[in-house]
N, C-alpha and C. Protein backbone atom coordinates (compact mmCIF):
# COMPACT_ATOMS: atom_id res chain seq x y z
N UNK A 1 0.84 -1.20 0.00
CA UNK A 1 0.00 0.00 0.00
C UNK A 1 0.87 1.24 0.00
N UNK A 2 0.69 2.12 -0.97
CA UNK A 2 1.45 3.36 -1.07
C UNK A 2 0.92 4.36 -0.05
N UNK A 3 1.83 4.98 0.70
CA UNK A 3 1.43 5.94 1.72
C UNK A 3 2.00 7.32 1.37
N UNK A 4 1.14 8.31 1.36
CA UNK A 4 1.54 9.69 1.15
C UNK A 4 1.08 10.51 2.34
N UNK A 5 2.00 11.30 2.92
CA UNK A 5 1.64 12.16 4.03
C UNK A 5 1.36 13.57 3.56
N UNK A 6 0.54 14.27 4.31
CA UNK A 6 0.19 15.65 3.94
C UNK A 6 1.07 16.67 4.66
N UNK A 7 2.07 16.20 5.41
CA UNK A 7 2.90 17.14 6.15
C UNK A 7 2.17 17.68 7.37
N UNK A 8 2.72 18.72 7.92
CA UNK A 8 2.15 19.33 9.12
C UNK A 8 0.85 20.05 8.78
N UNK A 9 -0.25 19.63 9.39
CA UNK A 9 -1.54 20.26 9.16
C UNK A 9 -1.90 21.15 10.34
N UNK A 10 -2.14 22.41 10.07
CA UNK A 10 -2.48 23.36 11.13
C UNK A 10 -3.96 23.72 11.15
N UNK A 11 -4.64 23.50 10.05
CA UNK A 11 -6.06 23.86 10.01
C UNK A 11 -6.78 22.99 8.99
N UNK A 12 -8.05 22.78 9.24
CA UNK A 12 -8.86 22.01 8.30
C UNK A 12 -10.28 22.54 8.31
N UNK A 13 -10.97 22.27 7.22
CA UNK A 13 -12.38 22.61 7.08
C UNK A 13 -13.16 21.31 6.94
N UNK A 14 -14.29 21.22 7.64
CA UNK A 14 -15.18 20.06 7.53
C UNK A 14 -16.59 20.57 7.28
N UNK A 15 -17.23 20.07 6.24
CA UNK A 15 -18.58 20.55 5.90
C UNK A 15 -19.53 19.36 5.76
N UNK A 16 -20.79 19.60 6.13
CA UNK A 16 -21.81 18.58 5.99
C UNK A 16 -23.14 19.21 5.64
N UNK A 17 -23.94 18.48 4.91
CA UNK A 17 -25.27 18.98 4.58
C UNK A 17 -26.20 18.87 5.79
N UNK A 18 -25.99 17.83 6.61
CA UNK A 18 -26.84 17.58 7.77
C UNK A 18 -25.99 17.34 9.00
N UNK A 19 -26.57 17.59 10.15
CA UNK A 19 -25.92 17.23 11.40
C UNK A 19 -25.71 15.72 11.41
N UNK A 20 -24.54 15.30 11.72
CA UNK A 20 -24.02 13.93 11.81
C UNK A 20 -23.30 13.48 10.55
N UNK A 21 -23.44 14.20 9.41
CA UNK A 21 -22.72 13.80 8.19
C UNK A 21 -21.21 13.77 8.40
N UNK A 22 -20.67 14.82 8.97
CA UNK A 22 -19.22 14.91 9.17
C UNK A 22 -18.74 13.79 10.07
N UNK A 23 -19.46 13.55 11.16
CA UNK A 23 -19.05 12.53 12.12
C UNK A 23 -19.14 11.14 11.52
N UNK A 24 -20.18 10.86 10.75
CA UNK A 24 -20.32 9.55 10.12
C UNK A 24 -19.23 9.34 9.07
N UNK A 25 -19.03 10.34 8.22
CA UNK A 25 -18.10 10.17 7.11
C UNK A 25 -16.65 10.28 7.48
N UNK A 26 -16.32 11.12 8.48
CA UNK A 26 -14.91 11.39 8.77
C UNK A 26 -14.63 11.52 10.25
N UNK A 27 -15.49 10.95 11.10
CA UNK A 27 -15.28 11.09 12.54
C UNK A 27 -13.99 10.49 13.03
N UNK A 28 -13.62 9.33 12.50
CA UNK A 28 -12.36 8.72 12.91
C UNK A 28 -11.15 9.52 12.48
N UNK A 29 -11.23 10.08 11.29
CA UNK A 29 -10.14 10.92 10.79
C UNK A 29 -10.00 12.18 11.64
N UNK A 30 -11.13 12.79 11.99
CA UNK A 30 -11.08 13.96 12.86
C UNK A 30 -10.46 13.62 14.20
N UNK A 31 -10.86 12.51 14.79
CA UNK A 31 -10.28 12.10 16.06
C UNK A 31 -8.78 11.92 15.96
N UNK A 32 -8.34 11.20 14.93
CA UNK A 32 -6.92 10.94 14.76
C UNK A 32 -6.12 12.23 14.59
N UNK A 33 -6.64 13.15 13.79
CA UNK A 33 -5.92 14.39 13.52
C UNK A 33 -5.86 15.27 14.76
N UNK A 34 -6.99 15.40 15.44
CA UNK A 34 -7.03 16.31 16.58
C UNK A 34 -6.22 15.77 17.76
N UNK A 35 -6.20 14.47 17.94
CA UNK A 35 -5.40 13.90 19.01
C UNK A 35 -3.91 14.03 18.71
N UNK A 36 -3.56 13.97 17.44
CA UNK A 36 -2.15 14.07 17.05
C UNK A 36 -1.66 15.51 17.01
N UNK A 37 -2.59 16.46 16.84
CA UNK A 37 -2.22 17.86 16.67
C UNK A 37 -3.06 18.75 17.58
N UNK A 38 -2.77 18.78 18.87
CA UNK A 38 -3.54 19.62 19.79
C UNK A 38 -3.53 21.09 19.34
N UNK A 39 -4.69 21.71 19.39
CA UNK A 39 -4.80 23.10 18.99
C UNK A 39 -5.07 23.32 17.52
N UNK A 40 -5.17 22.26 16.72
CA UNK A 40 -5.46 22.42 15.29
C UNK A 40 -6.78 23.16 15.11
N UNK A 41 -6.83 24.05 14.16
CA UNK A 41 -8.06 24.80 13.91
C UNK A 41 -8.99 23.99 13.02
N UNK A 42 -10.24 23.86 13.44
CA UNK A 42 -11.25 23.15 12.68
C UNK A 42 -12.42 24.08 12.44
N UNK A 43 -12.62 24.47 11.18
CA UNK A 43 -13.78 25.28 10.80
C UNK A 43 -14.82 24.33 10.21
N UNK A 44 -15.97 24.21 10.86
CA UNK A 44 -17.01 23.29 10.42
C UNK A 44 -18.27 24.05 10.03
N UNK A 45 -18.88 23.60 8.95
CA UNK A 45 -20.13 24.20 8.46
C UNK A 45 -21.13 23.09 8.18
N UNK A 46 -22.33 23.25 8.73
CA UNK A 46 -23.43 22.31 8.48
C UNK A 46 -24.61 23.13 7.95
N UNK A 47 -25.21 22.67 6.86
CA UNK A 47 -26.22 23.49 6.20
C UNK A 47 -27.60 23.42 6.83
N UNK A 48 -27.93 22.35 7.54
CA UNK A 48 -29.28 22.22 8.07
C UNK A 48 -29.26 21.78 9.53
N UNK A 49 -30.38 21.94 10.20
CA UNK A 49 -30.50 21.51 11.59
C UNK A 49 -30.33 22.60 12.62
N UNK A 50 -30.09 23.83 12.19
CA UNK A 50 -29.82 24.91 13.12
C UNK A 50 -31.02 25.30 13.97
N UNK A 51 -30.77 25.72 15.20
CA UNK A 51 -31.79 26.26 16.06
C UNK A 51 -32.60 25.27 16.86
N UNK A 52 -32.23 23.99 16.83
CA UNK A 52 -33.02 23.02 17.56
C UNK A 52 -32.18 21.90 18.13
N UNK A 53 -32.84 20.77 18.35
CA UNK A 53 -32.18 19.61 18.96
C UNK A 53 -31.01 19.12 18.13
N UNK A 54 -31.15 19.15 16.82
CA UNK A 54 -30.08 18.65 15.95
C UNK A 54 -28.82 19.48 16.09
N UNK A 55 -28.97 20.79 16.20
CA UNK A 55 -27.79 21.63 16.38
C UNK A 55 -27.12 21.33 17.72
N UNK A 56 -27.89 21.16 18.75
CA UNK A 56 -27.33 20.83 20.06
C UNK A 56 -26.54 19.52 20.00
N UNK A 57 -27.11 18.52 19.32
CA UNK A 57 -26.39 17.26 19.14
C UNK A 57 -25.08 17.47 18.40
N UNK A 58 -25.15 18.26 17.34
CA UNK A 58 -23.96 18.46 16.51
C UNK A 58 -22.84 19.17 17.26
N UNK A 59 -23.20 20.16 18.03
CA UNK A 59 -22.17 20.89 18.78
C UNK A 59 -21.49 19.99 19.81
N UNK A 60 -22.28 19.19 20.51
CA UNK A 60 -21.69 18.28 21.49
C UNK A 60 -20.86 17.20 20.80
N UNK A 61 -21.35 16.69 19.68
CA UNK A 61 -20.65 15.63 18.98
C UNK A 61 -19.32 16.10 18.41
N UNK A 62 -19.31 17.22 17.71
CA UNK A 62 -18.06 17.68 17.10
C UNK A 62 -17.05 18.10 18.16
N UNK A 63 -17.52 18.59 19.29
CA UNK A 63 -16.59 18.88 20.39
C UNK A 63 -15.91 17.59 20.84
N UNK A 64 -16.65 16.48 20.85
CA UNK A 64 -16.08 15.20 21.26
C UNK A 64 -15.19 14.62 20.17
N UNK A 65 -15.54 14.82 18.91
CA UNK A 65 -14.75 14.30 17.80
C UNK A 65 -13.50 15.15 17.53
N UNK A 66 -13.45 16.36 18.07
CA UNK A 66 -12.30 17.24 17.85
C UNK A 66 -11.68 17.64 19.20
N UNK A 67 -11.22 16.68 19.99
CA UNK A 67 -10.69 17.01 21.33
C UNK A 67 -9.45 17.89 21.23
N UNK A 68 -9.45 18.96 22.01
CA UNK A 68 -8.30 19.85 22.06
C UNK A 68 -8.15 20.77 20.87
N UNK A 69 -9.11 20.75 19.94
CA UNK A 69 -9.01 21.58 18.74
C UNK A 69 -9.62 22.97 18.96
N UNK A 70 -9.23 23.89 18.12
CA UNK A 70 -9.85 25.21 18.07
C UNK A 70 -11.03 25.09 17.11
N UNK A 71 -12.17 24.63 17.63
CA UNK A 71 -13.33 24.32 16.81
C UNK A 71 -14.23 25.53 16.64
N UNK A 72 -14.59 25.81 15.39
CA UNK A 72 -15.49 26.92 15.06
C UNK A 72 -16.59 26.36 14.17
N UNK A 73 -17.78 26.20 14.75
CA UNK A 73 -18.87 25.51 14.07
C UNK A 73 -20.01 26.47 13.76
N UNK A 74 -20.51 26.38 12.53
CA UNK A 74 -21.70 27.11 12.10
C UNK A 74 -22.73 26.12 11.61
N UNK A 75 -23.95 26.21 12.15
CA UNK A 75 -25.05 25.34 11.72
C UNK A 75 -26.17 26.22 11.18
N UNK A 76 -26.49 26.05 9.91
CA UNK A 76 -27.54 26.84 9.28
C UNK A 76 -28.90 26.15 9.41
N UNK A 77 -29.93 26.81 8.88
CA UNK A 77 -31.30 26.31 9.02
C UNK A 77 -31.94 25.97 7.68
N UNK A 78 -31.15 25.57 6.70
CA UNK A 78 -31.74 25.18 5.43
C UNK A 78 -32.59 23.92 5.62
N UNK A 79 -33.72 23.81 4.94
CA UNK A 79 -34.58 22.62 5.10
C UNK A 79 -33.87 21.35 4.63
N UNK A 80 -34.01 20.30 5.40
CA UNK A 80 -33.43 19.01 5.04
C UNK A 80 -34.01 18.52 3.72
N UNK A 81 -33.13 18.14 2.81
CA UNK A 81 -33.56 17.64 1.52
C UNK A 81 -33.88 18.70 0.50
N UNK A 82 -33.58 19.97 0.81
CA UNK A 82 -33.96 21.07 -0.09
C UNK A 82 -32.77 21.98 -0.44
N UNK A 83 -31.57 21.48 -0.33
CA UNK A 83 -30.41 22.33 -0.64
C UNK A 83 -30.47 22.88 -2.07
N UNK A 84 -30.83 22.08 -3.09
CA UNK A 84 -30.89 22.65 -4.44
C UNK A 84 -31.84 23.84 -4.55
N UNK A 85 -32.91 23.84 -3.75
CA UNK A 85 -33.87 24.94 -3.79
C UNK A 85 -33.37 26.16 -3.03
N UNK A 86 -32.32 25.99 -2.25
CA UNK A 86 -31.73 27.10 -1.49
C UNK A 86 -30.26 27.26 -1.88
N UNK A 87 -30.03 27.18 -3.17
CA UNK A 87 -28.67 27.17 -3.69
C UNK A 87 -27.89 28.42 -3.34
N UNK A 88 -28.51 29.57 -3.49
CA UNK A 88 -27.81 30.83 -3.25
C UNK A 88 -27.35 30.94 -1.80
N UNK A 89 -28.23 30.56 -0.87
CA UNK A 89 -27.89 30.64 0.55
C UNK A 89 -26.76 29.67 0.89
N UNK A 90 -26.83 28.47 0.32
CA UNK A 90 -25.76 27.49 0.55
C UNK A 90 -24.45 27.97 -0.05
N UNK A 91 -24.51 28.51 -1.23
CA UNK A 91 -23.30 29.01 -1.90
C UNK A 91 -22.68 30.15 -1.12
N UNK A 92 -23.51 31.06 -0.64
CA UNK A 92 -23.00 32.18 0.16
C UNK A 92 -22.29 31.68 1.42
N UNK A 93 -22.85 30.67 2.06
CA UNK A 93 -22.25 30.13 3.28
C UNK A 93 -20.89 29.51 3.00
N UNK A 94 -20.79 28.76 1.91
CA UNK A 94 -19.51 28.14 1.56
C UNK A 94 -18.48 29.20 1.17
N UNK A 95 -18.90 30.19 0.43
CA UNK A 95 -17.98 31.26 0.03
C UNK A 95 -17.52 32.07 1.24
N UNK A 96 -18.42 32.29 2.19
CA UNK A 96 -18.05 33.00 3.41
C UNK A 96 -17.03 32.20 4.22
N UNK A 97 -17.23 30.90 4.27
CA UNK A 97 -16.27 30.03 4.95
C UNK A 97 -14.91 30.08 4.26
N UNK A 98 -14.93 30.04 2.95
CA UNK A 98 -13.67 30.10 2.19
C UNK A 98 -12.92 31.39 2.46
N UNK A 99 -13.64 32.50 2.56
CA UNK A 99 -12.99 33.78 2.78
C UNK A 99 -12.41 33.90 4.18
N UNK A 100 -12.90 33.08 5.11
CA UNK A 100 -12.49 33.21 6.51
C UNK A 100 -11.34 32.30 6.90
N UNK A 101 -10.96 31.39 6.02
CA UNK A 101 -9.92 30.42 6.41
C UNK A 101 -9.10 29.98 5.21
N UNK A 102 -7.90 29.50 5.49
CA UNK A 102 -7.00 28.98 4.48
C UNK A 102 -6.55 27.59 4.94
N UNK A 103 -7.40 26.57 4.78
CA UNK A 103 -7.14 25.27 5.39
C UNK A 103 -6.09 24.46 4.65
N UNK A 104 -5.48 23.54 5.37
CA UNK A 104 -4.56 22.59 4.76
C UNK A 104 -5.30 21.39 4.19
N UNK A 105 -6.54 21.19 4.63
CA UNK A 105 -7.32 20.04 4.22
C UNK A 105 -8.81 20.38 4.33
N UNK A 106 -9.59 19.84 3.40
CA UNK A 106 -11.04 20.02 3.42
C UNK A 106 -11.70 18.64 3.40
N UNK A 107 -12.59 18.41 4.36
CA UNK A 107 -13.39 17.19 4.41
C UNK A 107 -14.81 17.54 4.00
N UNK A 108 -15.32 16.87 2.99
CA UNK A 108 -16.63 17.23 2.42
C UNK A 108 -17.30 15.97 1.87
N UNK A 109 -18.58 16.06 1.52
CA UNK A 109 -19.23 14.92 0.87
C UNK A 109 -18.60 14.65 -0.50
N UNK A 110 -18.89 13.48 -1.06
CA UNK A 110 -18.42 13.12 -2.39
C UNK A 110 -19.26 13.83 -3.45
N UNK A 111 -18.63 14.18 -4.55
CA UNK A 111 -19.36 14.85 -5.63
C UNK A 111 -20.33 13.92 -6.34
N UNK A 112 -20.17 12.60 -6.17
CA UNK A 112 -21.09 11.65 -6.80
C UNK A 112 -22.03 11.00 -5.80
N UNK A 113 -22.19 11.61 -4.63
CA UNK A 113 -23.11 11.10 -3.63
C UNK A 113 -24.53 11.14 -4.17
N UNK A 114 -25.31 10.08 -3.91
CA UNK A 114 -26.66 10.00 -4.46
C UNK A 114 -27.64 10.97 -3.80
N UNK A 115 -27.35 11.42 -2.59
CA UNK A 115 -28.25 12.36 -1.91
C UNK A 115 -28.04 13.76 -2.48
N UNK A 116 -29.11 14.41 -2.88
CA UNK A 116 -28.99 15.70 -3.55
C UNK A 116 -28.34 16.77 -2.68
N UNK A 117 -28.60 16.73 -1.37
CA UNK A 117 -28.00 17.72 -0.47
C UNK A 117 -26.49 17.51 -0.38
N UNK A 118 -26.07 16.26 -0.21
CA UNK A 118 -24.63 15.96 -0.14
C UNK A 118 -23.93 16.36 -1.43
N UNK A 119 -24.52 15.93 -2.54
CA UNK A 119 -23.92 16.18 -3.85
C UNK A 119 -23.83 17.67 -4.16
N UNK A 120 -24.88 18.39 -3.82
CA UNK A 120 -24.86 19.83 -4.07
C UNK A 120 -23.80 20.55 -3.26
N UNK A 121 -23.68 20.19 -2.00
CA UNK A 121 -22.65 20.80 -1.16
C UNK A 121 -21.26 20.47 -1.68
N UNK A 122 -21.06 19.22 -2.11
CA UNK A 122 -19.76 18.82 -2.65
C UNK A 122 -19.39 19.65 -3.87
N UNK A 123 -20.35 19.94 -4.71
CA UNK A 123 -20.09 20.75 -5.90
C UNK A 123 -19.71 22.17 -5.53
N UNK A 124 -20.35 22.72 -4.52
CA UNK A 124 -20.01 24.07 -4.06
C UNK A 124 -18.60 24.11 -3.47
N UNK A 125 -18.25 23.08 -2.71
CA UNK A 125 -16.93 23.03 -2.09
C UNK A 125 -15.83 22.94 -3.14
N UNK A 126 -16.03 22.12 -4.15
CA UNK A 126 -15.01 21.96 -5.18
C UNK A 126 -14.80 23.24 -5.97
N UNK A 127 -15.81 24.09 -6.02
CA UNK A 127 -15.69 25.37 -6.71
C UNK A 127 -15.01 26.42 -5.84
N UNK A 128 -15.35 26.42 -4.54
CA UNK A 128 -14.80 27.44 -3.64
C UNK A 128 -13.37 27.13 -3.22
N UNK A 129 -13.07 25.86 -2.99
CA UNK A 129 -11.74 25.46 -2.52
C UNK A 129 -10.98 24.80 -3.67
N UNK A 130 -10.63 25.61 -4.65
CA UNK A 130 -10.01 25.09 -5.88
C UNK A 130 -8.57 24.64 -5.68
N UNK A 131 -7.85 25.24 -4.77
CA UNK A 131 -6.42 24.96 -4.61
C UNK A 131 -6.12 24.20 -3.33
N UNK A 132 -7.08 23.43 -2.87
CA UNK A 132 -6.92 22.71 -1.61
C UNK A 132 -7.13 21.22 -1.81
N UNK A 133 -6.56 20.45 -0.90
CA UNK A 133 -6.80 19.01 -0.90
C UNK A 133 -8.18 18.77 -0.32
N UNK A 134 -9.09 18.28 -1.13
CA UNK A 134 -10.47 18.00 -0.70
C UNK A 134 -10.67 16.49 -0.71
N UNK A 135 -11.00 15.94 0.45
CA UNK A 135 -11.29 14.52 0.58
C UNK A 135 -12.80 14.34 0.72
N UNK A 136 -13.39 13.58 -0.18
CA UNK A 136 -14.82 13.36 -0.16
C UNK A 136 -15.18 12.12 0.64
N UNK A 137 -15.84 12.31 1.78
CA UNK A 137 -16.18 11.17 2.64
C UNK A 137 -17.43 10.46 2.13
N UNK A 138 -17.65 9.25 2.63
CA UNK A 138 -18.80 8.44 2.22
C UNK A 138 -19.74 8.22 3.40
N UNK A 139 -21.02 8.11 3.08
CA UNK A 139 -22.05 7.88 4.09
C UNK A 139 -22.91 6.71 3.62
N UNK A 140 -22.92 5.64 4.41
CA UNK A 140 -23.74 4.48 4.05
C UNK A 140 -25.21 4.85 4.19
N UNK A 141 -26.03 4.42 3.23
CA UNK A 141 -27.45 4.76 3.25
C UNK A 141 -28.23 3.88 2.28
N UNK A 142 -29.53 4.08 2.25
CA UNK A 142 -30.44 3.26 1.46
C UNK A 142 -30.09 3.29 -0.03
N UNK A 143 -29.57 4.40 -0.54
CA UNK A 143 -29.35 4.57 -1.97
C UNK A 143 -28.34 3.57 -2.55
N UNK A 144 -27.48 3.00 -1.70
CA UNK A 144 -26.51 2.04 -2.19
C UNK A 144 -25.52 2.65 -3.16
N UNK A 145 -24.99 3.83 -2.81
CA UNK A 145 -24.11 4.55 -3.73
C UNK A 145 -22.63 4.44 -3.37
N UNK A 146 -22.27 3.52 -2.50
CA UNK A 146 -20.86 3.40 -2.13
C UNK A 146 -20.04 2.99 -3.35
N UNK A 147 -18.95 3.69 -3.57
CA UNK A 147 -18.16 3.46 -4.76
C UNK A 147 -16.83 2.79 -4.46
N UNK A 148 -15.85 3.13 -5.27
CA UNK A 148 -14.51 2.57 -5.15
C UNK A 148 -13.56 3.70 -4.76
N UNK A 149 -13.33 3.90 -3.47
CA UNK A 149 -12.51 5.04 -3.02
C UNK A 149 -11.04 4.84 -3.37
N UNK A 150 -10.30 5.94 -3.31
CA UNK A 150 -8.88 5.89 -3.67
C UNK A 150 -7.97 6.32 -2.53
N UNK A 151 -8.53 6.85 -1.47
CA UNK A 151 -7.72 7.31 -0.33
C UNK A 151 -8.28 6.74 0.96
N UNK A 152 -7.39 6.34 1.85
CA UNK A 152 -7.82 5.68 3.09
C UNK A 152 -7.09 6.27 4.30
N UNK A 153 -7.82 6.42 5.39
CA UNK A 153 -7.23 6.76 6.68
C UNK A 153 -7.39 5.54 7.59
N UNK A 154 -6.30 4.79 7.83
CA UNK A 154 -6.42 3.63 8.72
C UNK A 154 -6.83 4.06 10.13
N UNK A 155 -7.63 3.21 10.78
CA UNK A 155 -8.07 3.45 12.14
C UNK A 155 -7.74 2.22 12.99
N UNK A 156 -7.19 2.46 14.15
CA UNK A 156 -6.96 1.36 15.08
C UNK A 156 -8.30 0.84 15.57
N UNK A 157 -8.36 -0.40 16.06
CA UNK A 157 -9.62 -0.89 16.62
C UNK A 157 -10.17 0.02 17.71
N UNK A 158 -9.29 0.58 18.52
CA UNK A 158 -9.73 1.48 19.58
C UNK A 158 -10.35 2.75 19.01
N UNK A 159 -9.75 3.27 17.94
CA UNK A 159 -10.27 4.49 17.33
C UNK A 159 -11.61 4.23 16.64
N UNK A 160 -11.71 3.10 15.97
CA UNK A 160 -12.97 2.76 15.30
C UNK A 160 -14.10 2.58 16.32
N UNK A 161 -13.80 1.90 17.42
CA UNK A 161 -14.81 1.71 18.47
C UNK A 161 -15.20 3.04 19.11
N UNK A 162 -14.22 3.90 19.27
CA UNK A 162 -14.50 5.21 19.87
C UNK A 162 -15.41 6.03 18.97
N UNK A 163 -15.17 5.97 17.66
CA UNK A 163 -16.03 6.68 16.72
C UNK A 163 -17.47 6.20 16.84
N UNK A 164 -17.67 4.89 16.84
CA UNK A 164 -19.01 4.34 16.90
C UNK A 164 -19.68 4.71 18.22
N UNK A 165 -18.93 4.64 19.29
CA UNK A 165 -19.49 4.99 20.60
C UNK A 165 -19.95 6.45 20.63
N UNK A 166 -19.16 7.34 20.07
CA UNK A 166 -19.52 8.75 20.05
C UNK A 166 -20.74 9.00 19.17
N UNK A 167 -20.84 8.30 18.05
CA UNK A 167 -22.01 8.43 17.18
C UNK A 167 -23.28 8.02 17.91
N UNK A 168 -23.21 6.93 18.62
CA UNK A 168 -24.38 6.45 19.34
C UNK A 168 -24.72 7.37 20.52
N UNK A 169 -23.71 7.90 21.14
CA UNK A 169 -23.91 8.73 22.34
C UNK A 169 -24.47 10.10 22.00
N UNK A 170 -24.00 10.71 20.93
CA UNK A 170 -24.30 12.12 20.69
C UNK A 170 -25.43 12.38 19.69
N UNK A 171 -25.92 11.36 19.03
CA UNK A 171 -27.02 11.57 18.07
C UNK A 171 -28.22 10.68 18.40
N UNK A 172 -28.81 10.84 19.59
CA UNK A 172 -29.95 10.00 19.95
C UNK A 172 -31.13 10.16 19.01
N UNK A 173 -31.26 11.31 18.35
CA UNK A 173 -32.38 11.52 17.44
C UNK A 173 -32.32 10.62 16.21
N UNK A 174 -31.18 9.99 15.97
CA UNK A 174 -31.01 9.16 14.77
C UNK A 174 -31.06 7.66 15.06
N UNK A 175 -31.18 7.28 16.30
CA UNK A 175 -31.09 5.86 16.65
C UNK A 175 -32.23 5.03 16.08
N UNK A 176 -33.33 5.67 15.73
CA UNK A 176 -34.46 4.92 15.19
C UNK A 176 -34.26 4.50 13.75
N UNK A 177 -33.28 5.06 13.07
CA UNK A 177 -33.06 4.74 11.66
C UNK A 177 -32.48 3.33 11.54
N UNK A 178 -32.98 2.53 10.60
CA UNK A 178 -32.56 1.13 10.52
C UNK A 178 -31.09 0.93 10.18
N UNK A 179 -30.46 1.93 9.56
CA UNK A 179 -29.06 1.79 9.17
C UNK A 179 -28.11 2.40 10.20
N UNK A 180 -28.67 3.06 11.21
CA UNK A 180 -27.83 3.78 12.16
C UNK A 180 -27.50 2.87 13.33
N UNK A 181 -26.52 1.99 13.12
CA UNK A 181 -26.16 1.08 14.20
C UNK A 181 -24.68 0.71 14.12
N UNK A 182 -24.23 0.06 15.16
CA UNK A 182 -22.82 -0.30 15.30
C UNK A 182 -22.36 -1.20 14.16
N UNK A 183 -23.19 -2.16 13.77
CA UNK A 183 -22.81 -3.09 12.72
C UNK A 183 -22.55 -2.38 11.39
N UNK A 184 -23.39 -1.42 11.06
CA UNK A 184 -23.23 -0.70 9.80
C UNK A 184 -21.93 0.10 9.79
N UNK A 185 -21.69 0.85 10.86
CA UNK A 185 -20.50 1.70 10.90
C UNK A 185 -19.21 0.88 10.95
N UNK A 186 -19.17 -0.11 11.82
CA UNK A 186 -17.97 -0.93 11.92
C UNK A 186 -17.80 -1.83 10.71
N UNK A 187 -18.91 -2.29 10.13
CA UNK A 187 -18.83 -3.14 8.95
C UNK A 187 -18.18 -2.44 7.78
N UNK A 188 -18.60 -1.20 7.50
CA UNK A 188 -18.00 -0.45 6.41
C UNK A 188 -16.54 -0.15 6.72
N UNK A 189 -16.25 0.22 7.96
CA UNK A 189 -14.86 0.51 8.34
C UNK A 189 -13.98 -0.73 8.20
N UNK A 190 -14.55 -1.91 8.48
CA UNK A 190 -13.78 -3.15 8.32
C UNK A 190 -13.49 -3.43 6.86
N UNK A 191 -14.48 -3.24 5.99
CA UNK A 191 -14.27 -3.44 4.55
C UNK A 191 -13.20 -2.49 4.03
N UNK A 192 -13.29 -1.23 4.43
CA UNK A 192 -12.27 -0.27 3.97
C UNK A 192 -10.90 -0.60 4.57
N UNK A 193 -10.89 -1.19 5.75
CA UNK A 193 -9.64 -1.64 6.32
C UNK A 193 -9.01 -2.76 5.51
N UNK A 194 -9.84 -3.71 5.10
CA UNK A 194 -9.34 -4.79 4.25
C UNK A 194 -8.71 -4.23 2.98
N UNK A 195 -9.36 -3.25 2.39
CA UNK A 195 -8.87 -2.67 1.13
C UNK A 195 -7.56 -1.92 1.31
N UNK A 196 -7.27 -1.48 2.53
CA UNK A 196 -6.07 -0.67 2.77
C UNK A 196 -5.06 -1.36 3.68
N UNK A 197 -5.18 -2.68 3.83
CA UNK A 197 -4.24 -3.45 4.67
C UNK A 197 -4.22 -2.94 6.10
N UNK A 198 -5.38 -2.65 6.64
CA UNK A 198 -5.52 -2.21 8.03
C UNK A 198 -6.70 -2.96 8.64
N UNK A 199 -6.86 -2.86 9.95
CA UNK A 199 -8.02 -3.48 10.57
C UNK A 199 -9.28 -2.72 10.23
N UNK A 200 -9.24 -1.40 10.42
CA UNK A 200 -10.35 -0.53 10.07
C UNK A 200 -9.82 0.69 9.33
N UNK A 201 -10.69 1.37 8.61
CA UNK A 201 -10.29 2.59 7.91
C UNK A 201 -11.52 3.38 7.51
N UNK A 202 -11.31 4.67 7.29
CA UNK A 202 -12.29 5.51 6.58
C UNK A 202 -11.75 5.75 5.19
N UNK A 203 -12.66 5.83 4.23
CA UNK A 203 -12.25 5.97 2.84
C UNK A 203 -12.79 7.26 2.24
N UNK A 204 -12.03 7.77 1.28
CA UNK A 204 -12.36 9.07 0.69
C UNK A 204 -12.16 9.05 -0.82
N UNK A 205 -12.94 9.88 -1.49
CA UNK A 205 -12.75 10.13 -2.92
C UNK A 205 -11.89 11.38 -3.08
N UNK A 206 -11.05 11.38 -4.07
CA UNK A 206 -10.21 12.54 -4.37
C UNK A 206 -10.42 12.90 -5.84
N UNK A 207 -10.93 14.09 -6.08
CA UNK A 207 -11.20 14.52 -7.45
C UNK A 207 -9.93 14.95 -8.16
N UNK A 208 -9.06 15.66 -7.44
CA UNK A 208 -7.83 16.17 -8.05
C UNK A 208 -6.76 16.28 -6.98
N UNK A 209 -5.52 15.89 -7.34
CA UNK A 209 -4.44 15.88 -6.38
C UNK A 209 -3.14 16.20 -7.09
N UNK A 210 -2.38 17.13 -6.52
CA UNK A 210 -1.06 17.47 -7.04
C UNK A 210 0.00 16.87 -6.14
N UNK A 211 0.98 16.17 -6.73
CA UNK A 211 2.08 15.60 -5.96
C UNK A 211 3.39 16.23 -6.41
N UNK A 212 4.32 16.30 -5.50
CA UNK A 212 5.64 16.86 -5.79
C UNK A 212 6.69 15.82 -5.43
N UNK A 213 7.03 14.98 -6.36
CA UNK A 213 7.95 13.88 -6.11
C UNK A 213 9.41 14.27 -6.31
N UNK A 214 9.65 15.41 -6.91
CA UNK A 214 11.02 15.79 -7.19
C UNK A 214 11.66 16.68 -6.15
N UNK A 215 10.92 17.00 -5.08
CA UNK A 215 11.46 17.92 -4.08
C UNK A 215 11.66 17.20 -2.75
């Protein structure tokens, strides 16, 4: 397995269409990065769920997934499932985030995600953060849109279990969903681990990547 490091990361951006997207898609990666780099700046943007129980869950969850980080979270109130109908507001939020930070890494949904909210946000991110490393996380769901990722973040068994525990602990409003369980989260992480010669892993899509092998 070929390993490429991103060097010293001082700041990152994480975006999600819904509360819990970031934690499901990249919670283990956030944990690993924040534990390894105390004080790292994390600018997070979530398009929906603001002003209610979902926002409260998200704030508590991301605080747990980003221990010791300089976390700056914004949760908007766009209607769930209606991001395309609120394109201008979503675009303004992403552009405002871009103007406020210069991240070393961006975690976002995949551009080919079957959910219209995820896909729309991914398209906005790829336009706003043109010169940044953008990793597109995956979210298991009914649509069956999991693809063939090209980038992996290995997770130790302890880290994978911690991610699942935090998901169950901080998002009680989602426990009724048939796919929201330990088996689903650990099962996907185990498959991605097999693909990357690790026990567990999170996987990401990369649309464009520049490498410098001569320096």
